[in-house]
mmCIF file of all heavy atoms, coordinates in Angstrom:
data_MODEL
# 
_entry.id   MODEL 
# 
loop_
_atom_site.group_PDB 
_atom_site.id 
_atom_site.type_symbol 
_atom_site.label_atom_id 
_atom_site.label_alt_id 
_atom_site.label_comp_id 
_atom_site.label_asym_id 
_atom_site.label_entity_id 
_atom_site.label_seq_id 
_atom_site.pdbx_PDB_ins_code 
_atom_site.Cartn_x 
_atom_site.Cartn_y 
_atom_site.Cartn_z 
_atom_site.occupancy 
_atom_site.B_iso_or_equiv 
_atom_site.pdbx_formal_charge 
_atom_site.auth_seq_id 
_atom_site.auth_comp_id 
_atom_site.auth_asym_id 
_atom_site.auth_atom_id 
_atom_site.pdbx_PDB_model_num 
ATOM 1   N N   . VAL A 1 1  ? -6.779  20.994 22.901 1.00 0.00 ? 1  VAL A N   1 
ATOM 2   C CA  . VAL A 1 1  ? -7.770  22.058 22.645 1.00 0.00 ? 1  VAL A CA  1 
ATOM 3   C C   . VAL A 1 1  ? -9.267  21.554 22.568 1.00 0.00 ? 1  VAL A C   1 
ATOM 4   O O   . VAL A 1 1  ? -10.148 22.275 22.601 1.00 0.00 ? 1  VAL A O   1 
ATOM 5   C CB  . VAL A 1 1  ? -7.430  22.856 21.400 1.00 0.00 ? 1  VAL A CB  1 
ATOM 6   C CG1 . VAL A 1 1  ? -6.073  23.627 21.653 1.00 0.00 ? 1  VAL A CG1 1 
ATOM 7   C CG2 . VAL A 1 1  ? -7.373  22.053 20.161 1.00 0.00 ? 1  VAL A CG2 1 
ATOM 8   N N   . GLU A 1 2  ? -9.268  20.172 22.347 1.00 0.00 ? 2  GLU A N   1 
ATOM 9   C CA  . GLU A 1 2  ? -10.586 19.613 22.290 1.00 0.00 ? 2  GLU A CA  1 
ATOM 10  C C   . GLU A 1 2  ? -10.513 18.060 22.573 1.00 0.00 ? 2  GLU A C   1 
ATOM 11  O O   . GLU A 1 2  ? -9.531  17.463 22.181 1.00 0.00 ? 2  GLU A O   1 
ATOM 12  C CB  . GLU A 1 2  ? -11.293 19.784 20.976 1.00 0.00 ? 2  GLU A CB  1 
ATOM 13  C CG  . GLU A 1 2  ? -12.713 19.283 20.923 1.00 0.00 ? 2  GLU A CG  1 
ATOM 14  C CD  . GLU A 1 2  ? -13.579 19.831 19.682 1.00 0.00 ? 2  GLU A CD  1 
ATOM 15  O OE1 . GLU A 1 2  ? -12.953 20.536 18.829 1.00 0.00 ? 2  GLU A OE1 1 
ATOM 16  O OE2 . GLU A 1 2  ? -14.766 19.584 19.690 1.00 0.00 ? 2  GLU A OE2 1 
ATOM 17  N N   . GLN A 1 3  ? -11.478 17.531 23.321 1.00 0.00 ? 3  GLN A N   1 
ATOM 18  C CA  . GLN A 1 3  ? -11.592 16.067 23.529 1.00 0.00 ? 3  GLN A CA  1 
ATOM 19  C C   . GLN A 1 3  ? -13.015 15.700 23.412 1.00 0.00 ? 3  GLN A C   1 
ATOM 20  O O   . GLN A 1 3  ? -13.935 16.402 23.879 1.00 0.00 ? 3  GLN A O   1 
ATOM 21  C CB  . GLN A 1 3  ? -11.128 15.746 24.999 1.00 0.00 ? 3  GLN A CB  1 
ATOM 22  C CG  . GLN A 1 3  ? -9.621  15.770 25.237 1.00 0.00 ? 3  GLN A CG  1 
ATOM 23  C CD  . GLN A 1 3  ? -9.240  15.142 26.537 1.00 0.00 ? 3  GLN A CD  1 
ATOM 24  O OE1 . GLN A 1 3  ? -9.413  13.898 26.681 1.00 0.00 ? 3  GLN A OE1 1 
ATOM 25  N NE2 . GLN A 1 3  ? -8.802  15.872 27.486 1.00 0.00 ? 3  GLN A NE2 1 
ATOM 26  N N   . ALA A 1 4  ? -13.253 14.526 22.768 1.00 0.00 ? 4  ALA A N   1 
ATOM 27  C CA  . ALA A 1 4  ? -14.662 14.129 22.482 1.00 0.00 ? 4  ALA A CA  1 
ATOM 28  C C   . ALA A 1 4  ? -14.627 12.619 22.081 1.00 0.00 ? 4  ALA A C   1 
ATOM 29  O O   . ALA A 1 4  ? -13.583 12.159 21.588 1.00 0.00 ? 4  ALA A O   1 
ATOM 30  C CB  . ALA A 1 4  ? -15.294 14.959 21.378 1.00 0.00 ? 4  ALA A CB  1 
ATOM 31  N N   . PRO A 1 5  ? -15.795 11.950 22.233 1.00 0.00 ? 5  PRO A N   1 
ATOM 32  C CA  . PRO A 1 5  ? -15.972 10.710 21.466 1.00 0.00 ? 5  PRO A CA  1 
ATOM 33  C C   . PRO A 1 5  ? -15.741 11.004 20.072 1.00 0.00 ? 5  PRO A C   1 
ATOM 34  O O   . PRO A 1 5  ? -16.111 11.997 19.492 1.00 0.00 ? 5  PRO A O   1 
ATOM 35  C CB  . PRO A 1 5  ? -17.368 10.281 21.768 1.00 0.00 ? 5  PRO A CB  1 
ATOM 36  C CG  . PRO A 1 5  ? -17.676 10.980 23.130 1.00 0.00 ? 5  PRO A CG  1 
ATOM 37  C CD  . PRO A 1 5  ? -16.885 12.302 23.007 1.00 0.00 ? 5  PRO A CD  1 
ATOM 38  N N   . VAL A 1 6  ? -15.219 10.047 19.267 1.00 0.00 ? 6  VAL A N   1 
ATOM 39  C CA  . VAL A 1 6  ? -14.689 10.374 17.915 1.00 0.00 ? 6  VAL A CA  1 
ATOM 40  C C   . VAL A 1 6  ? -15.784 10.802 16.992 1.00 0.00 ? 6  VAL A C   1 
ATOM 41  O O   . VAL A 1 6  ? -15.641 11.778 16.201 1.00 0.00 ? 6  VAL A O   1 
ATOM 42  C CB  . VAL A 1 6  ? -13.902 9.121  17.358 1.00 0.00 ? 6  VAL A CB  1 
ATOM 43  C CG1 . VAL A 1 6  ? -14.757 7.912  17.128 1.00 0.00 ? 6  VAL A CG1 1 
ATOM 44  C CG2 . VAL A 1 6  ? -13.259 9.499  16.027 1.00 0.00 ? 6  VAL A CG2 1 
ATOM 45  N N   . PHE A 1 7  ? -17.054 10.221 17.127 1.00 0.00 ? 7  PHE A N   1 
ATOM 46  C CA  . PHE A 1 7  ? -18.081 10.621 16.159 1.00 0.00 ? 7  PHE A CA  1 
ATOM 47  C C   . PHE A 1 7  ? -18.704 11.901 16.657 1.00 0.00 ? 7  PHE A C   1 
ATOM 48  O O   . PHE A 1 7  ? -19.186 12.667 15.748 1.00 0.00 ? 7  PHE A O   1 
ATOM 49  C CB  . PHE A 1 7  ? -19.084 9.535  15.971 1.00 0.00 ? 7  PHE A CB  1 
ATOM 50  C CG  . PHE A 1 7  ? -18.438 8.267  15.360 1.00 0.00 ? 7  PHE A CG  1 
ATOM 51  C CD1 . PHE A 1 7  ? -18.205 7.165  16.101 1.00 0.00 ? 7  PHE A CD1 1 
ATOM 52  C CD2 . PHE A 1 7  ? -18.021 8.392  14.011 1.00 0.00 ? 7  PHE A CD2 1 
ATOM 53  C CE1 . PHE A 1 7  ? -17.595 6.050  15.445 1.00 0.00 ? 7  PHE A CE1 1 
ATOM 54  C CE2 . PHE A 1 7  ? -17.386 7.345  13.483 1.00 0.00 ? 7  PHE A CE2 1 
ATOM 55  C CZ  . PHE A 1 7  ? -17.117 6.112  14.174 1.00 0.00 ? 7  PHE A CZ  1 
ATOM 56  N N   . ALA A 1 8  ? -18.628 12.265 17.949 1.00 0.00 ? 8  ALA A N   1 
ATOM 57  C CA  . ALA A 1 8  ? -19.081 13.523 18.371 1.00 0.00 ? 8  ALA A CA  1 
ATOM 58  C C   . ALA A 1 8  ? -18.274 14.623 17.755 1.00 0.00 ? 8  ALA A C   1 
ATOM 59  O O   . ALA A 1 8  ? -18.788 15.700 17.414 1.00 0.00 ? 8  ALA A O   1 
ATOM 60  C CB  . ALA A 1 8  ? -19.109 13.613 19.874 1.00 0.00 ? 8  ALA A CB  1 
ATOM 61  N N   . LEU A 1 9  ? -16.952 14.418 17.719 1.00 0.00 ? 9  LEU A N   1 
ATOM 62  C CA  . LEU A 1 9  ? -16.076 15.483 17.100 1.00 0.00 ? 9  LEU A CA  1 
ATOM 63  C C   . LEU A 1 9  ? -16.431 15.686 15.617 1.00 0.00 ? 9  LEU A C   1 
ATOM 64  O O   . LEU A 1 9  ? -16.485 16.830 15.217 1.00 0.00 ? 9  LEU A O   1 
ATOM 65  C CB  . LEU A 1 9  ? -14.532 15.043 17.280 1.00 0.00 ? 9  LEU A CB  1 
ATOM 66  C CG  . LEU A 1 9  ? -13.599 16.021 16.746 1.00 0.00 ? 9  LEU A CG  1 
ATOM 67  C CD1 . LEU A 1 9  ? -13.279 17.028 17.845 1.00 0.00 ? 9  LEU A CD1 1 
ATOM 68  C CD2 . LEU A 1 9  ? -12.394 15.388 16.226 1.00 0.00 ? 9  LEU A CD2 1 
ATOM 69  N N   . PHE A 1 10 ? -16.649 14.586 14.941 1.00 0.00 ? 10 PHE A N   1 
ATOM 70  C CA  . PHE A 1 10 ? -16.971 14.795 13.480 1.00 0.00 ? 10 PHE A CA  1 
ATOM 71  C C   . PHE A 1 10 ? -18.338 15.407 13.288 1.00 0.00 ? 10 PHE A C   1 
ATOM 72  O O   . PHE A 1 10 ? -18.535 16.178 12.367 1.00 0.00 ? 10 PHE A O   1 
ATOM 73  C CB  . PHE A 1 10 ? -16.930 13.391 12.767 1.00 0.00 ? 10 PHE A CB  1 
ATOM 74  C CG  . PHE A 1 10 ? -15.484 13.041 12.395 1.00 0.00 ? 10 PHE A CG  1 
ATOM 75  C CD1 . PHE A 1 10 ? -14.713 12.223 13.230 1.00 0.00 ? 10 PHE A CD1 1 
ATOM 76  C CD2 . PHE A 1 10 ? -14.948 13.424 11.197 1.00 0.00 ? 10 PHE A CD2 1 
ATOM 77  C CE1 . PHE A 1 10 ? -13.431 11.898 12.762 1.00 0.00 ? 10 PHE A CE1 1 
ATOM 78  C CE2 . PHE A 1 10 ? -13.680 13.007 10.827 1.00 0.00 ? 10 PHE A CE2 1 
ATOM 79  C CZ  . PHE A 1 10 ? -12.925 12.284 11.610 1.00 0.00 ? 10 PHE A CZ  1 
ATOM 80  N N   . ASP A 1 11 ? -19.276 15.074 14.167 1.00 0.00 ? 11 ASP A N   1 
ATOM 81  C CA  . ASP A 1 11 ? -20.604 15.610 14.007 1.00 0.00 ? 11 ASP A CA  1 
ATOM 82  C C   . ASP A 1 11 ? -20.703 17.086 14.471 1.00 0.00 ? 11 ASP A C   1 
ATOM 83  O O   . ASP A 1 11 ? -21.475 17.846 13.890 1.00 0.00 ? 11 ASP A O   1 
ATOM 84  C CB  . ASP A 1 11 ? -21.588 14.802 14.840 1.00 0.00 ? 11 ASP A CB  1 
ATOM 85  C CG  . ASP A 1 11 ? -21.858 13.413 14.262 1.00 0.00 ? 11 ASP A CG  1 
ATOM 86  O OD1 . ASP A 1 11 ? -21.656 13.311 13.034 1.00 0.00 ? 11 ASP A OD1 1 
ATOM 87  O OD2 . ASP A 1 11 ? -22.275 12.516 14.965 1.00 0.00 ? 11 ASP A OD2 1 
ATOM 88  N N   . ASP A 1 12 ? -19.944 17.411 15.494 1.00 0.00 ? 12 ASP A N   1 
ATOM 89  C CA  . ASP A 1 12 ? -20.161 18.714 16.109 1.00 0.00 ? 12 ASP A CA  1 
ATOM 90  C C   . ASP A 1 12 ? -18.830 19.221 16.667 1.00 0.00 ? 12 ASP A C   1 
ATOM 91  O O   . ASP A 1 12 ? -18.597 19.357 17.884 1.00 0.00 ? 12 ASP A O   1 
ATOM 92  C CB  . ASP A 1 12 ? -21.123 18.558 17.220 1.00 0.00 ? 12 ASP A CB  1 
ATOM 93  C CG  . ASP A 1 12 ? -21.596 19.947 17.757 1.00 0.00 ? 12 ASP A CG  1 
ATOM 94  O OD1 . ASP A 1 12 ? -21.423 20.924 17.190 1.00 0.00 ? 12 ASP A OD1 1 
ATOM 95  O OD2 . ASP A 1 12 ? -22.096 20.008 18.954 1.00 0.00 ? 12 ASP A OD2 1 
ATOM 96  N N   . PRO A 1 13 ? -17.874 19.620 15.808 1.00 0.00 ? 13 PRO A N   1 
ATOM 97  C CA  . PRO A 1 13 ? -16.602 20.180 16.382 1.00 0.00 ? 13 PRO A CA  1 
ATOM 98  C C   . PRO A 1 13 ? -16.801 21.428 17.087 1.00 0.00 ? 13 PRO A C   1 
ATOM 99  O O   . PRO A 1 13 ? -17.562 22.296 16.738 1.00 0.00 ? 13 PRO A O   1 
ATOM 100 C CB  . PRO A 1 13 ? -15.696 20.423 15.078 1.00 0.00 ? 13 PRO A CB  1 
ATOM 101 C CG  . PRO A 1 13 ? -16.774 20.553 13.993 1.00 0.00 ? 13 PRO A CG  1 
ATOM 102 C CD  . PRO A 1 13 ? -17.880 19.644 14.341 1.00 0.00 ? 13 PRO A CD  1 
ATOM 103 N N   . GLN A 1 14 ? -16.082 21.567 18.245 1.00 0.00 ? 14 GLN A N   1 
ATOM 104 C CA  . GLN A 1 14 ? -16.267 22.772 19.164 1.00 0.00 ? 14 GLN A CA  1 
ATOM 105 C C   . GLN A 1 14 ? -15.025 23.599 19.170 1.00 0.00 ? 14 GLN A C   1 
ATOM 106 O O   . GLN A 1 14 ? -15.020 24.554 20.043 1.00 0.00 ? 14 GLN A O   1 
ATOM 107 C CB  . GLN A 1 14 ? -16.713 22.291 20.502 1.00 0.00 ? 14 GLN A CB  1 
ATOM 108 C CG  . GLN A 1 14 ? -18.126 21.685 20.530 1.00 0.00 ? 14 GLN A CG  1 
ATOM 109 C CD  . GLN A 1 14 ? -19.182 22.781 20.223 1.00 0.00 ? 14 GLN A CD  1 
ATOM 110 O OE1 . GLN A 1 14 ? -19.064 23.857 20.763 1.00 0.00 ? 14 GLN A OE1 1 
ATOM 111 N NE2 . GLN A 1 14 ? -20.139 22.365 19.414 1.00 0.00 ? 14 GLN A NE2 1 
ATOM 112 N N   . HIS A 1 15 ? -14.067 23.260 18.360 1.00 0.00 ? 15 HIS A N   1 
ATOM 113 C CA  . HIS A 1 15 ? -12.793 24.174 18.323 1.00 0.00 ? 15 HIS A CA  1 
ATOM 114 C C   . HIS A 1 15 ? -12.518 24.464 16.886 1.00 0.00 ? 15 HIS A C   1 
ATOM 115 O O   . HIS A 1 15 ? -12.473 23.561 16.058 1.00 0.00 ? 15 HIS A O   1 
ATOM 116 C CB  . HIS A 1 15 ? -11.676 23.543 19.003 1.00 0.00 ? 15 HIS A CB  1 
ATOM 117 C CG  . HIS A 1 15 ? -10.522 24.538 19.330 1.00 0.00 ? 15 HIS A CG  1 
ATOM 118 N ND1 . HIS A 1 15 ? -9.697  25.013 18.332 1.00 0.00 ? 15 HIS A ND1 1 
ATOM 119 C CD2 . HIS A 1 15 ? -10.102 25.164 20.529 1.00 0.00 ? 15 HIS A CD2 1 
ATOM 120 C CE1 . HIS A 1 15 ? -8.857  25.795 18.829 1.00 0.00 ? 15 HIS A CE1 1 
ATOM 121 N NE2 . HIS A 1 15 ? -9.108  25.972 20.157 1.00 0.00 ? 15 HIS A NE2 1 
ATOM 122 N N   . PRO A 1 16 ? -12.235 25.742 16.468 1.00 0.00 ? 16 PRO A N   1 
ATOM 123 C CA  . PRO A 1 16 ? -11.996 25.937 15.034 1.00 0.00 ? 16 PRO A CA  1 
ATOM 124 C C   . PRO A 1 16 ? -10.784 25.227 14.507 1.00 0.00 ? 16 PRO A C   1 
ATOM 125 O O   . PRO A 1 16 ? -10.622 24.920 13.289 1.00 0.00 ? 16 PRO A O   1 
ATOM 126 C CB  . PRO A 1 16 ? -11.690 27.463 15.034 1.00 0.00 ? 16 PRO A CB  1 
ATOM 127 C CG  . PRO A 1 16 ? -12.404 28.023 16.222 1.00 0.00 ? 16 PRO A CG  1 
ATOM 128 C CD  . PRO A 1 16 ? -12.354 26.935 17.249 1.00 0.00 ? 16 PRO A CD  1 
ATOM 129 N N   . TYR A 1 17 ? -9.827  24.801 15.340 1.00 0.00 ? 17 TYR A N   1 
ATOM 130 C CA  . TYR A 1 17 ? -8.645  24.051 14.860 1.00 0.00 ? 17 TYR A CA  1 
ATOM 131 C C   . TYR A 1 17 ? -9.102  22.713 14.494 1.00 0.00 ? 17 TYR A C   1 
ATOM 132 O O   . TYR A 1 17 ? -8.649  22.085 13.463 1.00 0.00 ? 17 TYR A O   1 
ATOM 133 C CB  . TYR A 1 17 ? -7.559  23.954 15.910 1.00 0.00 ? 17 TYR A CB  1 
ATOM 134 C CG  . TYR A 1 17 ? -6.332  23.186 15.543 1.00 0.00 ? 17 TYR A CG  1 
ATOM 135 C CD1 . TYR A 1 17 ? -5.623  23.535 14.348 1.00 0.00 ? 17 TYR A CD1 1 
ATOM 136 C CD2 . TYR A 1 17 ? -5.927  21.995 16.148 1.00 0.00 ? 17 TYR A CD2 1 
ATOM 137 C CE1 . TYR A 1 17 ? -4.536  22.791 13.955 1.00 0.00 ? 17 TYR A CE1 1 
ATOM 138 C CE2 . TYR A 1 17 ? -4.820  21.309 15.811 1.00 0.00 ? 17 TYR A CE2 1 
ATOM 139 C CZ  . TYR A 1 17 ? -4.138  21.699 14.682 1.00 0.00 ? 17 TYR A CZ  1 
ATOM 140 O OH  . TYR A 1 17 ? -2.991  20.960 14.275 1.00 0.00 ? 17 TYR A OH  1 
ATOM 141 N N   . SER A 1 18 ? -9.928  22.033 15.305 1.00 0.00 ? 18 SER A N   1 
ATOM 142 C CA  . SER A 1 18 ? -10.543 20.724 14.895 1.00 0.00 ? 18 SER A CA  1 
ATOM 143 C C   . SER A 1 18 ? -11.276 20.797 13.582 1.00 0.00 ? 18 SER A C   1 
ATOM 144 O O   . SER A 1 18 ? -11.109 19.874 12.771 1.00 0.00 ? 18 SER A O   1 
ATOM 145 C CB  . SER A 1 18 ? -11.509 20.222 15.991 1.00 0.00 ? 18 SER A CB  1 
ATOM 146 O OG  . SER A 1 18 ? -10.890 20.182 17.270 1.00 0.00 ? 18 SER A OG  1 
ATOM 147 N N   . LEU A 1 19 ? -12.036 21.852 13.361 1.00 0.00 ? 19 LEU A N   1 
ATOM 148 C CA  . LEU A 1 19 ? -12.744 22.102 12.128 1.00 0.00 ? 19 LEU A CA  1 
ATOM 149 C C   . LEU A 1 19 ? -11.699 22.213 10.982 1.00 0.00 ? 19 LEU A C   1 
ATOM 150 O O   . LEU A 1 19 ? -11.867 21.582 9.895  1.00 0.00 ? 19 LEU A O   1 
ATOM 151 C CB  . LEU A 1 19 ? -13.501 23.352 12.255 1.00 0.00 ? 19 LEU A CB  1 
ATOM 152 C CG  . LEU A 1 19 ? -14.195 23.804 10.941 1.00 0.00 ? 19 LEU A CG  1 
ATOM 153 C CD1 . LEU A 1 19 ? -15.312 22.825 10.538 1.00 0.00 ? 19 LEU A CD1 1 
ATOM 154 C CD2 . LEU A 1 19 ? -14.839 25.247 11.100 1.00 0.00 ? 19 LEU A CD2 1 
ATOM 155 N N   . GLY A 1 20 ? -10.627 22.954 11.214 1.00 0.00 ? 20 GLY A N   1 
ATOM 156 C CA  . GLY A 1 20 ? -9.609  23.072 10.220 1.00 0.00 ? 20 GLY A CA  1 
ATOM 157 C C   . GLY A 1 20 ? -8.998  21.745 9.766  1.00 0.00 ? 20 GLY A C   1 
ATOM 158 O O   . GLY A 1 20 ? -8.785  21.453 8.525  1.00 0.00 ? 20 GLY A O   1 
ATOM 159 N N   . LEU A 1 21 ? -8.719  20.855 10.746 1.00 0.00 ? 21 LEU A N   1 
ATOM 160 C CA  . LEU A 1 21 ? -8.159  19.606 10.454 1.00 0.00 ? 21 LEU A CA  1 
ATOM 161 C C   . LEU A 1 21 ? -9.125  18.700 9.635  1.00 0.00 ? 21 LEU A C   1 
ATOM 162 O O   . LEU A 1 21 ? -8.782  17.992 8.669  1.00 0.00 ? 21 LEU A O   1 
ATOM 163 C CB  . LEU A 1 21 ? -7.796  18.809 11.804 1.00 0.00 ? 21 LEU A CB  1 
ATOM 164 C CG  . LEU A 1 21 ? -6.600  19.346 12.614 1.00 0.00 ? 21 LEU A CG  1 
ATOM 165 C CD1 . LEU A 1 21 ? -6.511  18.582 13.893 1.00 0.00 ? 21 LEU A CD1 1 
ATOM 166 C CD2 . LEU A 1 21 ? -5.318  19.335 11.830 1.00 0.00 ? 21 LEU A CD2 1 
ATOM 167 N N   . MET A 1 22 ? -10.468 18.857 9.978  1.00 0.00 ? 22 MET A N   1 
ATOM 168 C CA  . MET A 1 22 ? -11.527 18.083 9.198  1.00 0.00 ? 22 MET A CA  1 
ATOM 169 C C   . MET A 1 22 ? -11.592 18.536 7.864  1.00 0.00 ? 22 MET A C   1 
ATOM 170 O O   . MET A 1 22 ? -11.712 17.809 6.884  1.00 0.00 ? 22 MET A O   1 
ATOM 171 C CB  . MET A 1 22 ? -12.778 18.268 9.956  1.00 0.00 ? 22 MET A CB  1 
ATOM 172 C CG  . MET A 1 22 ? -12.813 17.503 11.383 1.00 0.00 ? 22 MET A CG  1 
ATOM 173 S SD  . MET A 1 22 ? -14.302 17.944 12.272 1.00 0.00 ? 22 MET A SD  1 
ATOM 174 C CE  . MET A 1 22 ? -15.507 17.234 11.288 1.00 0.00 ? 22 MET A CE  1 
ATOM 175 N N   . ASN A 1 23 ? -11.465 19.882 7.584  1.00 0.00 ? 23 ASN A N   1 
ATOM 176 C CA  . ASN A 1 23 ? -11.675 20.444 6.261  1.00 0.00 ? 23 ASN A CA  1 
ATOM 177 C C   . ASN A 1 23 ? -10.483 20.119 5.410  1.00 0.00 ? 23 ASN A C   1 
ATOM 178 O O   . ASN A 1 23 ? -10.595 20.222 4.194  1.00 0.00 ? 23 ASN A O   1 
ATOM 179 C CB  . ASN A 1 23 ? -11.865 21.918 6.377  1.00 0.00 ? 23 ASN A CB  1 
ATOM 180 C CG  . ASN A 1 23 ? -13.314 22.314 6.830  1.00 0.00 ? 23 ASN A CG  1 
ATOM 181 O OD1 . ASN A 1 23 ? -14.192 21.492 6.767  1.00 0.00 ? 23 ASN A OD1 1 
ATOM 182 N ND2 . ASN A 1 23 ? -13.429 23.621 7.260  1.00 0.00 ? 23 ASN A ND2 1 
ATOM 183 N N   . ALA A 1 24 ? -9.341  19.708 6.017  1.00 0.00 ? 24 ALA A N   1 
ATOM 184 C CA  . ALA A 1 24 ? -8.240  19.401 5.303  1.00 0.00 ? 24 ALA A CA  1 
ATOM 185 C C   . ALA A 1 24 ? -8.164  17.969 4.751  1.00 0.00 ? 24 ALA A C   1 
ATOM 186 O O   . ALA A 1 24 ? -7.272  17.635 4.063  1.00 0.00 ? 24 ALA A O   1 
ATOM 187 C CB  . ALA A 1 24 ? -6.944  19.683 6.039  1.00 0.00 ? 24 ALA A CB  1 
ATOM 188 N N   . ILE A 1 25 ? -9.173  17.176 5.211  1.00 0.00 ? 25 ILE A N   1 
ATOM 189 C CA  . ILE A 1 25 ? -9.155  15.779 4.781  1.00 0.00 ? 25 ILE A CA  1 
ATOM 190 C C   . ILE A 1 25 ? -9.715  15.648 3.337  1.00 0.00 ? 25 ILE A C   1 
ATOM 191 O O   . ILE A 1 25 ? -10.822 16.140 3.093  1.00 0.00 ? 25 ILE A O   1 
ATOM 192 C CB  . ILE A 1 25 ? -9.983  14.922 5.763  1.00 0.00 ? 25 ILE A CB  1 
ATOM 193 C CG1 . ILE A 1 25 ? -9.559  15.000 7.202  1.00 0.00 ? 25 ILE A CG1 1 
ATOM 194 C CG2 . ILE A 1 25 ? -10.137 13.568 5.291  1.00 0.00 ? 25 ILE A CG2 1 
ATOM 195 C CD1 . ILE A 1 25 ? -10.529 14.342 8.164  1.00 0.00 ? 25 ILE A CD1 1 
ATOM 196 N N   . PRO A 1 26 ? -9.038  15.016 2.417  1.00 0.00 ? 26 PRO A N   1 
ATOM 197 C CA  . PRO A 1 26 ? -9.624  14.766 1.108  1.00 0.00 ? 26 PRO A CA  1 
ATOM 198 C C   . PRO A 1 26 ? -10.832 13.852 1.232  1.00 0.00 ? 26 PRO A C   1 
ATOM 199 O O   . PRO A 1 26 ? -10.865 12.855 1.903  1.00 0.00 ? 26 PRO A O   1 
ATOM 200 C CB  . PRO A 1 26 ? -8.471  14.051 0.386  1.00 0.00 ? 26 PRO A CB  1 
ATOM 201 C CG  . PRO A 1 26 ? -7.228  14.324 1.079  1.00 0.00 ? 26 PRO A CG  1 
ATOM 202 C CD  . PRO A 1 26 ? -7.652  14.479 2.525  1.00 0.00 ? 26 PRO A CD  1 
ATOM 203 N N   . ARG A 1 27 ? -11.937 14.324 0.620  1.00 0.00 ? 27 ARG A N   1 
ATOM 204 C CA  . ARG A 1 27 ? -13.214 13.570 0.600  1.00 0.00 ? 27 ARG A CA  1 
ATOM 205 C C   . ARG A 1 27 ? -13.667 13.326 -0.813 1.00 0.00 ? 27 ARG A C   1 
ATOM 206 O O   . ARG A 1 27 ? -14.432 14.067 -1.398 1.00 0.00 ? 27 ARG A O   1 
ATOM 207 C CB  . ARG A 1 27 ? -14.194 14.313 1.440  1.00 0.00 ? 27 ARG A CB  1 
ATOM 208 C CG  . ARG A 1 27 ? -13.903 14.496 2.823  1.00 0.00 ? 27 ARG A CG  1 
ATOM 209 C CD  . ARG A 1 27 ? -13.898 13.193 3.665  1.00 0.00 ? 27 ARG A CD  1 
ATOM 210 N NE  . ARG A 1 27 ? -15.182 12.474 3.620  1.00 0.00 ? 27 ARG A NE  1 
ATOM 211 C CZ  . ARG A 1 27 ? -16.073 12.604 4.556  1.00 0.00 ? 27 ARG A CZ  1 
ATOM 212 N NH1 . ARG A 1 27 ? -15.802 13.378 5.678  1.00 0.00 ? 27 ARG A NH1 1 
ATOM 213 N NH2 . ARG A 1 27 ? -17.214 11.953 4.575  1.00 0.00 ? 27 ARG A NH2 1 
ATOM 214 N N   . PRO A 1 28 ? -13.168 12.162 -1.457 1.00 0.00 ? 28 PRO A N   1 
ATOM 215 C CA  . PRO A 1 28 ? -13.563 12.004 -2.808 1.00 0.00 ? 28 PRO A CA  1 
ATOM 216 C C   . PRO A 1 28 ? -15.010 11.858 -3.043 1.00 0.00 ? 28 PRO A C   1 
ATOM 217 O O   . PRO A 1 28 ? -15.518 12.099 -4.145 1.00 0.00 ? 28 PRO A O   1 
ATOM 218 C CB  . PRO A 1 28 ? -12.875 10.517 -3.089 1.00 0.00 ? 28 PRO A CB  1 
ATOM 219 C CG  . PRO A 1 28 ? -11.809 10.504 -2.076 1.00 0.00 ? 28 PRO A CG  1 
ATOM 220 C CD  . PRO A 1 28 ? -12.306 11.212 -0.888 1.00 0.00 ? 28 PRO A CD  1 
ATOM 221 N N   . GLU A 1 29 ? -15.791 11.410 -2.024 1.00 0.00 ? 29 GLU A N   1 
ATOM 222 C CA  . GLU A 1 29 ? -17.273 11.267 -2.239 1.00 0.00 ? 29 GLU A CA  1 
ATOM 223 C C   . GLU A 1 29 ? -17.956 12.616 -2.309 1.00 0.00 ? 29 GLU A C   1 
ATOM 224 O O   . GLU A 1 29 ? -19.134 12.747 -2.737 1.00 0.00 ? 29 GLU A O   1 
ATOM 225 C CB  . GLU A 1 29 ? -17.839 10.431 -1.118 1.00 0.00 ? 29 GLU A CB  1 
ATOM 226 C CG  . GLU A 1 29 ? -17.959 11.127 0.234  1.00 0.00 ? 29 GLU A CG  1 
ATOM 227 C CD  . GLU A 1 29 ? -16.637 10.912 1.094  1.00 0.00 ? 29 GLU A CD  1 
ATOM 228 O OE1 . GLU A 1 29 ? -15.592 10.707 0.466  1.00 0.00 ? 29 GLU A OE1 1 
ATOM 229 O OE2 . GLU A 1 29 ? -16.745 11.048 2.297  1.00 0.00 ? 29 GLU A OE2 1 
# 
């Protein structure tokens, strides 16, 4: 559903599923 250089995906996700996976990552900081 999405392909990108890895940092482009984190900077600018273009599929809501990618966004969902990112929001599910624990971020202690």
